[in-house]
Amino acid sequence: MESSEIKLFLSTMRIIAEQLNQENKGLRLAKGGFLAFIDNDDIWESNKLELQMNHFNNNPDVDVCFSYMESFLSPELVERY
């Protein structure tokens, strides 16, 4: 591995560590009964939380709720997961 690749890897690891640190801080500060995570490169549908909360309210046995994601790096590369 070249030294430039090592620096990139270390830089990436620092970014990941800082993101985890911020998420952990959010967990400590949270006051409600639900958490929702959104990263700076995410876009939510305007009714995402409403739909998910309705699902929780109508299904009390559900502990976790998530949704599909759509990658939109470019119009040619749209994928759904």
C-alpha atoms as a PDB file:
ATOM      1  CA  MET A   1       0.000   0.000   0.000  1.00  0.00           C
ATOM      2  CA  GLU A   2       1.417   3.389  -0.951  1.00  0.00           C
ATOM      3  CA  SER A   3       1.762   6.089   1.686  1.00  0.00           C
ATOM      4  CA  SER A   4      -0.940   8.216   0.009  1.00  0.00           C
ATOM      5  CA  GLU A   5      -3.392   5.320   0.390  1.00  0.00           C
ATOM      6  CA  ILE A   6      -2.499   5.014   4.064  1.00  0.00           C
ATOM      7  CA  LYS A   7      -3.127   8.725   4.622  1.00  0.00           C
ATOM      8  CA  LEU A   8      -6.474   8.466   2.859  1.00  0.00           C
ATOM      9  CA  PHE A   9      -7.434   5.474   4.971  1.00  0.00           C
ATOM     10  CA  LEU A  10      -6.435   7.241   8.203  1.00  0.00           C
ATOM     11  CA  SER A  11      -8.324  10.358   7.154  1.00  0.00           C
ATOM     12  CA  THR A  12     -11.403   8.251   6.390  1.00  0.00           C
ATOM     13  CA  MET A  13     -11.128   6.523   9.769  1.00  0.00           C
ATOM     14  CA  ARG A  14     -10.968   9.920  11.516  1.00  0.00           C
ATOM     15  CA  ILE A  15     -14.098  11.039   9.693  1.00  0.00           C
ATOM     16  CA  ILE A  16     -15.923   7.837  10.672  1.00  0.00           C
ATOM     17  CA  ALA A  17     -14.763   8.182  14.296  1.00  0.00           C
ATOM     18  CA  GLU A  18     -16.008  11.784  14.427  1.00  0.00           C
ATOM     19  CA  GLN A  19     -19.375  10.775  12.948  1.00  0.00           C
ATOM     20  CA  LEU A  20     -19.749   8.022  15.542  1.00  0.00           C
ATOM     21  CA  ASN A  21     -18.775  10.487  18.266  1.00  0.00           C
ATOM     22  CA  GLN A  22     -21.513  12.879  17.113  1.00  0.00           C
ATOM     23  CA  GLU A  23     -24.094  10.071  16.924  1.00  0.00           C
ATOM     24  CA  ASN A  24     -23.173   8.937  20.444  1.00  0.00           C
ATOM     25  CA  LYS A  25     -23.511  12.530  21.656  1.00  0.00           C
ATOM     26  CA  GLY A  26     -26.975  12.670  20.065  1.00  0.00           C
ATOM     27  CA  LEU A  27     -27.953   9.433  21.811  1.00  0.00           C
ATOM     28  CA  ARG A  28     -26.885  10.884  25.169  1.00  0.00           C
ATOM     29  CA  LEU A  29     -28.842  14.102  24.595  1.00  0.00           C
ATOM     30  CA  ALA A  30     -32.012  12.466  23.222  1.00  0.00           C
ATOM     31  CA  LYS A  31     -35.095  12.961  25.381  1.00  0.00           C
ATOM     32  CA  GLY A  32     -37.890  11.250  23.433  1.00  0.00           C
ATOM     33  CA  GLY A  33     -38.810   7.638  22.937  1.00  0.00           C
ATOM     34  CA  PHE A  34     -37.693   7.474  19.292  1.00  0.00           C
ATOM     35  CA  LEU A  35     -34.516   8.222  17.389  1.00  0.00           C
ATOM     36  CA  ALA A  36     -34.060   8.993  13.704  1.00  0.00           C
ATOM     37  CA  PHE A  37     -30.648   9.317  12.092  1.00  0.00           C
ATOM     38  CA  ILE A  38     -29.983  11.420   9.010  1.00  0.00           C
ATOM     39  CA  ASP A  39     -26.562  12.111   7.546  1.00  0.00           C
ATOM     40  CA  ASN A  40     -25.554  15.295   5.760  1.00  0.00           C
ATOM     41  CA  ASP A  41     -25.794  13.557   2.371  1.00  0.00           C
ATOM     42  CA  ASP A  42     -29.285  12.096   2.990  1.00  0.00           C
ATOM     43  CA  ILE A  43     -32.591  13.431   1.705  1.00  0.00           C
ATOM     44  CA  TRP A  44     -35.836  12.303   3.327  1.00  0.00           C
ATOM     45  CA  GLU A  45     -39.258  12.263   1.765  1.00  0.00           C
ATOM     46  CA  SER A  46     -41.361  14.947   3.479  1.00  0.00           C
ATOM     47  CA  ASN A  47     -43.652  12.352   5.108  1.00  0.00           C
ATOM     48  CA  LYS A  48     -40.998   9.777   6.082  1.00  0.00           C
ATOM     49  CA  LEU A  49     -41.265  10.252   9.854  1.00  0.00           C
ATOM     50  CA  GLU A  50     -45.057  10.485   9.739  1.00  0.00           C
ATOM     51  CA  LEU A  51     -45.288   7.151   7.912  1.00  0.00           C
ATOM     52  CA  GLN A  52     -42.844   5.465  10.250  1.00  0.00           C
ATOM     53  CA  MET A  53     -44.542   6.794  13.386  1.00  0.00           C
ATOM     54  CA  ASN A  54     -47.913   5.641  12.049  1.00  0.00           C
ATOM     55  CA  HIS A  55     -46.390   2.197  11.566  1.00  0.00           C
ATOM     56  CA  PHE A  56     -45.105   2.164  15.161  1.00  0.00           C
ATOM     57  CA  ASN A  57     -48.450   3.357  16.520  1.00  0.00           C
ATOM     58  CA  ASN A  58     -50.399   0.736  14.554  1.00  0.00           C
ATOM     59  CA  ASN A  59     -47.965  -2.100  15.351  1.00  0.00           C
ATOM     60  CA  PRO A  60     -46.954  -1.928  19.036  1.00  0.00           C
ATOM     61  CA  ASP A  61     -44.920  -5.132  18.703  1.00  0.00           C
ATOM     62  CA  VAL A  62     -42.516  -3.421  16.248  1.00  0.00           C
ATOM     63  CA  ASP A  63     -39.215  -2.226  17.754  1.00  0.00           C
ATOM     64  CA  VAL A  64     -37.346  -1.001  14.673  1.00  0.00           C
ATOM     65  CA  CYS A  65     -38.521   0.650  11.486  1.00  0.00           C
ATOM     66  CA  PHE A  66     -36.502   1.493   8.387  1.00  0.00           C
ATOM     67  CA  SER A  67     -37.129   2.265   4.756  1.00  0.00           C
ATOM     68  CA  TYR A  68     -35.569   1.628   1.379  1.00  0.00           C
ATOM     69  CA  MET A  69     -32.916   3.933   0.042  1.00  0.00           C
ATOM     70  CA  GLU A  70     -32.401   5.278  -3.411  1.00  0.00           C
ATOM     71  CA  SER A  71     -28.935   6.080  -4.713  1.00  0.00           C
ATOM     72  CA  PHE A  72     -28.911   9.105  -6.987  1.00  0.00           C
ATOM     73  CA  LEU A  73     -25.261   9.767  -7.734  1.00  0.00           C
ATOM     74  CA  SER A  74     -26.257  10.463 -11.310  1.00  0.00           C
ATOM     75  CA  PRO A  75     -29.433   9.907 -13.330  1.00  0.00           C
ATOM     76  CA  GLU A  76     -27.845   6.899 -15.033  1.00  0.00           C
ATOM     77  CA  LEU A  77     -27.007   5.189 -11.733  1.00  0.00           C
ATOM     78  CA  VAL A  78     -30.308   5.278  -9.848  1.00  0.00           C
ATOM     79  CA  GLU A  79     -30.676   2.144  -7.734  1.00  0.00           C
ATOM     80  CA  ARG A  80     -33.203   1.128  -5.090  1.00  0.00           C
ATOM     81  CA  TYR A  81     -32.320  -0.968  -2.046  1.00  0.00           C
END
